[in-house]
């Protein structure tokens, strides 16, 4: 016959597991574009726009992209061409391996205005990464990486992140319309601090807003007693 201590322990483990599975949130992320000939006048290109926003919700064991790290083939395709298929395959692979949970994608947007996407995020996969190509460009992009939407076990209510330009390190072009110049070997992803994007002004921002929360943090302490 199980002792009261063992029964209590099993009960708490069961409750904790159920709560962990239920503790989730829904967010809206809004892309606020501020890239224009006024904000970035140096050689501002004809037909300037951002490509489809793409990314994932994931855990802390993986990086979709990160400064000072080499770009994956998926990040390279987004940064150079605005193609999302390879990155989608990478995210799906992460999902199948348990490291990611949701593939996120949004439609194209011009250089001004706002667009948003709503998504779910769980306790076990509470980080978000997103990217979009600066177009036209050799291999430049904007985005966020490993944004943790949990702060001390509480879903962040609101957060905004400025979008600085990054170079994926896969093409050596120096202007918006440079011809293809493959960087071999590839270089790590880095912030762009040279012309035409050297003035330090963000190209926009991503605003994360919490819409709803379900469940309770698994770190809640349950107090029970048995006679």
Protein backbone atom coordinates (compact mmCIF):
# COMPACT_ATOMS: atom_id res chain seq x y z
CA UNK A 1 0.00 0.00 0.00
CA UNK A 2 1.36 3.45 -1.01
CA UNK A 3 2.24 5.76 1.83
CA UNK A 4 0.60 9.16 2.16
CA UNK A 5 3.89 10.84 1.21
CA UNK A 6 4.14 8.92 -2.05
CA UNK A 7 0.49 9.61 -2.86
CA UNK A 8 1.02 13.33 -2.26
CA UNK A 9 4.17 13.36 -4.38
CA UNK A 10 2.44 11.61 -7.28
CA UNK A 11 -0.51 13.96 -6.99
CA UNK A 12 1.71 17.05 -7.13
CA UNK A 13 3.66 15.70 -10.10
CA UNK A 14 0.41 14.99 -11.94
CA UNK A 15 -0.93 18.47 -11.24
CA UNK A 16 2.35 20.10 -12.23
CA UNK A 17 2.41 18.20 -15.54
CA UNK A 18 -1.17 19.15 -16.39
CA UNK A 19 -0.56 22.79 -15.52
CA UNK A 20 2.65 22.90 -17.58
CA UNK A 21 0.77 21.64 -20.60
CA UNK A 22 -1.98 24.21 -20.17
CA UNK A 23 0.16 27.27 -19.37
CA UNK A 24 0.17 29.18 -22.63
CA UNK A 25 -0.54 32.57 -24.12
CA UNK A 26 -1.74 34.21 -27.30
CA UNK A 27 0.17 37.18 -28.68
CA UNK A 28 -0.14 39.70 -31.44
CA UNK A 29 3.10 40.94 -32.95
CA UNK A 30 2.81 44.13 -34.97
CA UNK A 31 5.45 45.18 -37.48
CA UNK A 32 5.77 48.98 -37.58
CA UNK A 33 7.76 49.92 -40.66
CA UNK A 34 9.72 53.19 -40.56
CA UNK A 35 12.13 52.74 -43.46
CA UNK A 36 11.89 55.60 -45.93
CA UNK A 37 13.94 58.05 -47.97
CA UNK A 38 13.56 60.49 -45.07
CA UNK A 39 14.80 58.11 -42.36
CA UNK A 40 17.56 56.55 -44.49
CA UNK A 41 18.29 58.97 -47.35
CA UNK A 42 21.61 57.47 -48.53
CA UNK A 43 20.97 55.80 -51.90
CA UNK A 44 17.39 54.90 -50.92
CA UNK A 45 16.41 52.26 -53.52
CA UNK A 46 13.55 52.23 -55.99
CA UNK A 47 10.98 49.60 -55.05
CA UNK A 48 12.10 49.41 -51.43
CA UNK A 49 10.11 46.91 -49.36
CA UNK A 50 10.35 44.14 -46.78
CA UNK A 51 9.85 40.49 -47.63
CA UNK A 52 7.51 38.05 -45.94
CA UNK A 53 8.06 37.85 -42.18
CA UNK A 54 8.92 34.30 -41.16
CA UNK A 55 10.04 32.59 -37.98
CA UNK A 56 9.10 30.24 -35.17
CA UNK A 57 8.26 29.75 -31.53
CA UNK A 58 10.93 27.53 -29.98
CA UNK A 59 12.77 26.55 -26.82
CA UNK A 60 16.15 27.74 -25.57
CA UNK A 61 18.02 24.75 -26.99
CA UNK A 62 18.09 26.11 -30.53
CA UNK A 63 18.73 29.38 -32.35
CA UNK A 64 16.91 30.25 -35.56
CA UNK A 65 19.53 32.96 -36.05
CA UNK A 66 21.90 34.93 -33.89
CA UNK A 67 24.52 37.68 -34.33
CA UNK A 68 28.09 36.37 -34.47
CA UNK A 69 26.87 32.98 -35.70
CA UNK A 70 26.86 31.70 -39.29
CA UNK A 71 23.54 32.00 -41.10
CA UNK A 72 21.70 28.79 -41.87
CA UNK A 73 20.71 28.07 -45.46
CA UNK A 74 17.21 29.22 -44.53
CA UNK A 75 18.36 32.58 -43.18
CA UNK A 76 20.60 33.00 -46.24
CA UNK A 77 17.64 32.48 -48.59
CA UNK A 78 15.49 34.97 -46.70
CA UNK A 79 18.25 37.59 -46.48
CA UNK A 80 19.37 37.30 -50.12
CA UNK A 81 16.15 36.56 -51.97
CA UNK A 82 13.20 36.79 -49.57
CA UNK A 83 12.61 33.06 -50.11
CA UNK A 84 11.02 31.34 -47.10
CA UNK A 85 10.88 27.69 -48.20
CA UNK A 86 14.27 26.60 -46.83
CA UNK A 87 13.73 28.30 -43.48
CA UNK A 88 10.29 26.72 -43.28
CA UNK A 89 11.91 23.29 -43.77
CA UNK A 90 14.42 24.05 -41.02
CA UNK A 91 11.64 25.08 -38.63
CA UNK A 92 9.59 21.98 -39.47
CA UNK A 93 12.67 19.86 -38.71
CA UNK A 94 13.01 21.60 -35.34
CA UNK A 95 9.32 20.98 -34.68
CA UNK A 96 9.70 17.29 -35.49
CA UNK A 97 12.66 17.10 -33.09
CA UNK A 98 10.73 18.83 -30.31
CA UNK A 99 12.78 22.06 -30.27
CA UNK A 100 10.20 24.30 -31.97
CA UNK A 101 6.43 24.39 -31.81
CA UNK A 102 4.97 26.84 -34.33
CA UNK A 103 6.02 28.04 -37.77
CA UNK A 104 5.16 31.72 -38.15
CA UNK A 105 4.68 33.56 -41.44
CA UNK A 106 3.20 36.88 -42.54
CA UNK A 107 2.54 38.50 -45.90
CA UNK A 108 4.74 41.11 -47.60
CA UNK A 109 4.62 44.73 -46.52
CA UNK A 110 5.80 47.97 -48.12
CA UNK A 111 8.16 50.32 -46.35
CA UNK A 112 5.46 52.24 -44.48
CA UNK A 113 2.47 51.15 -42.46
CA UNK A 114 1.75 48.35 -40.04
CA UNK A 115 0.83 44.69 -40.18
CA UNK A 116 0.40 42.04 -37.50
CA UNK A 117 0.15 38.33 -36.86
CA UNK A 118 -1.38 36.47 -33.95
CA UNK A 119 0.21 33.31 -32.60
CA UNK A 120 0.14 30.93 -29.65
CA UNK A 121 3.13 30.25 -27.44
CA UNK A 122 3.55 27.57 -24.78
CA UNK A 123 5.52 27.31 -21.55
CA UNK A 124 7.87 24.74 -23.06
CA UNK A 125 8.55 26.79 -26.21
CA UNK A 126 8.37 30.37 -24.97
CA UNK A 127 10.91 31.99 -27.28
CA UNK A 128 10.23 33.71 -30.61
CA UNK A 129 12.48 34.47 -33.58
CA UNK A 130 11.45 36.35 -36.74
CA UNK A 131 13.21 37.68 -39.86
CA UNK A 132 12.41 39.70 -42.97
CA UNK A 133 14.61 40.71 -45.92
CA UNK A 134 15.48 44.34 -46.55
CA UNK A 135 14.74 44.50 -50.27
CA UNK A 136 16.44 45.15 -52.51
CA UNK A 137 19.76 44.28 -50.87
CA UNK A 138 22.64 41.80 -51.20
CA UNK A 139 21.90 39.85 -47.97
CA UNK A 140 20.49 42.32 -45.47
CA UNK A 141 17.63 41.69 -43.09
CA UNK A 142 15.85 42.76 -39.92
CA UNK A 143 14.45 40.62 -37.15
CA UNK A 144 14.50 39.43 -33.57
CA UNK A 145 16.12 36.31 -32.14
CA UNK A 146 15.32 34.25 -29.06
CA UNK A 147 12.86 36.73 -27.56
CA UNK A 148 11.68 35.12 -24.32
CA UNK A 149 8.02 35.92 -23.68
CA UNK A 150 8.21 34.53 -20.14
CA UNK A 151 9.58 36.80 -17.43
CA UNK A 152 9.86 35.16 -14.00
CA UNK A 153 7.19 32.63 -15.02
CA UNK A 154 4.79 35.39 -16.13
CA UNK A 155 3.86 36.03 -19.75
CA UNK A 156 5.17 39.43 -20.81
CA UNK A 157 2.29 41.86 -21.22
CA UNK A 158 3.90 44.11 -23.82
CA UNK A 159 7.34 44.63 -25.33
CA UNK A 160 8.73 46.54 -28.30
CA UNK A 161 11.99 45.86 -30.14
CA UNK A 162 13.70 48.27 -32.52
CA UNK A 163 14.81 46.73 -35.79
CA UNK A 164 18.40 47.43 -36.77
CA UNK A 165 19.80 46.10 -40.08
CA UNK A 166 21.85 42.89 -40.16
CA UNK A 167 24.13 41.36 -42.77
CA UNK A 168 23.79 37.59 -43.12
CA UNK A 169 27.46 37.23 -44.12
CA UNK A 170 26.72 35.35 -47.32
CA UNK A 171 27.06 38.08 -49.97
CA UNK A 172 29.75 40.78 -50.18
CA UNK A 173 27.70 43.45 -51.96
CA UNK A 174 27.94 46.93 -50.47
CA UNK A 175 24.95 48.70 -52.04
CA UNK A 176 21.24 47.93 -52.23
CA UNK A 177 21.50 46.80 -55.85
CA UNK A 178 24.97 45.22 -55.89
CA UNK A 179 25.37 42.25 -58.22
CA UNK A 180 25.67 38.82 -56.64
CA UNK A 181 29.03 38.49 -54.85
CA UNK A 182 29.15 35.24 -52.89
CA UNK A 183 31.11 35.53 -49.63
CA UNK A 184 33.38 32.49 -49.38
CA UNK A 185 33.81 31.34 -46.75
CA UNK A 186 30.65 32.77 -45.24
CA UNK A 187 31.04 35.22 -42.37
CA UNK A 188 29.02 35.44 -39.13
CA UNK A 189 25.83 37.49 -39.04
CA UNK A 190 26.62 41.07 -38.03
CA UNK A 191 25.01 44.47 -37.49
CA UNK A 192 25.38 46.79 -40.46
CA UNK A 193 27.29 49.90 -39.44
CA UNK A 194 28.42 51.10 -42.87
CA UNK A 195 26.69 53.05 -45.65
CA UNK A 196 23.98 53.07 -46.78
CA UNK A 197 22.60 51.93 -43.39
CA UNK A 198 25.14 53.55 -41.10
CA UNK A 199 23.07 56.23 -39.37
CA UNK A 200 21.89 53.96 -36.53
CA UNK A 201 18.22 54.75 -37.14
CA UNK A 202 15.98 51.66 -36.77
CA UNK A 203 14.12 50.53 -39.88
CA UNK A 204 11.06 49.87 -37.75
CA UNK A 205 9.96 47.95 -34.69
CA UNK A 206 8.17 44.80 -33.59
CA UNK A 207 5.54 45.27 -30.92
CA UNK A 208 4.51 42.18 -28.93
CA UNK A 209 1.18 42.38 -27.10
CA UNK A 210 -0.27 39.65 -24.89
CA UNK A 211 -3.88 38.94 -25.78
CA UNK A 212 -4.75 36.09 -23.43
CA UNK A 213 -3.34 33.53 -21.00
CA UNK A 214 -4.49 30.00 -20.22
CA UNK A 215 -3.50 27.82 -17.28
CA UNK A 216 -1.19 28.57 -14.38
CA UNK A 217 2.58 28.48 -14.12
CA UNK A 218 3.88 25.00 -13.20
CA UNK A 219 6.05 26.69 -10.57
CA UNK A 220 2.95 27.43 -8.49
CA UNK A 221 3.36 25.73 -5.09
CA UNK A 222 0.53 23.39 -4.21
CA UNK A 223 -0.08 22.87 -0.49
CA UNK A 224 -2.02 19.81 0.52
CA UNK A 225 -2.32 17.72 3.63
CA UNK A 226 -3.43 14.22 4.44
CA UNK A 227 -4.75 13.10 7.78
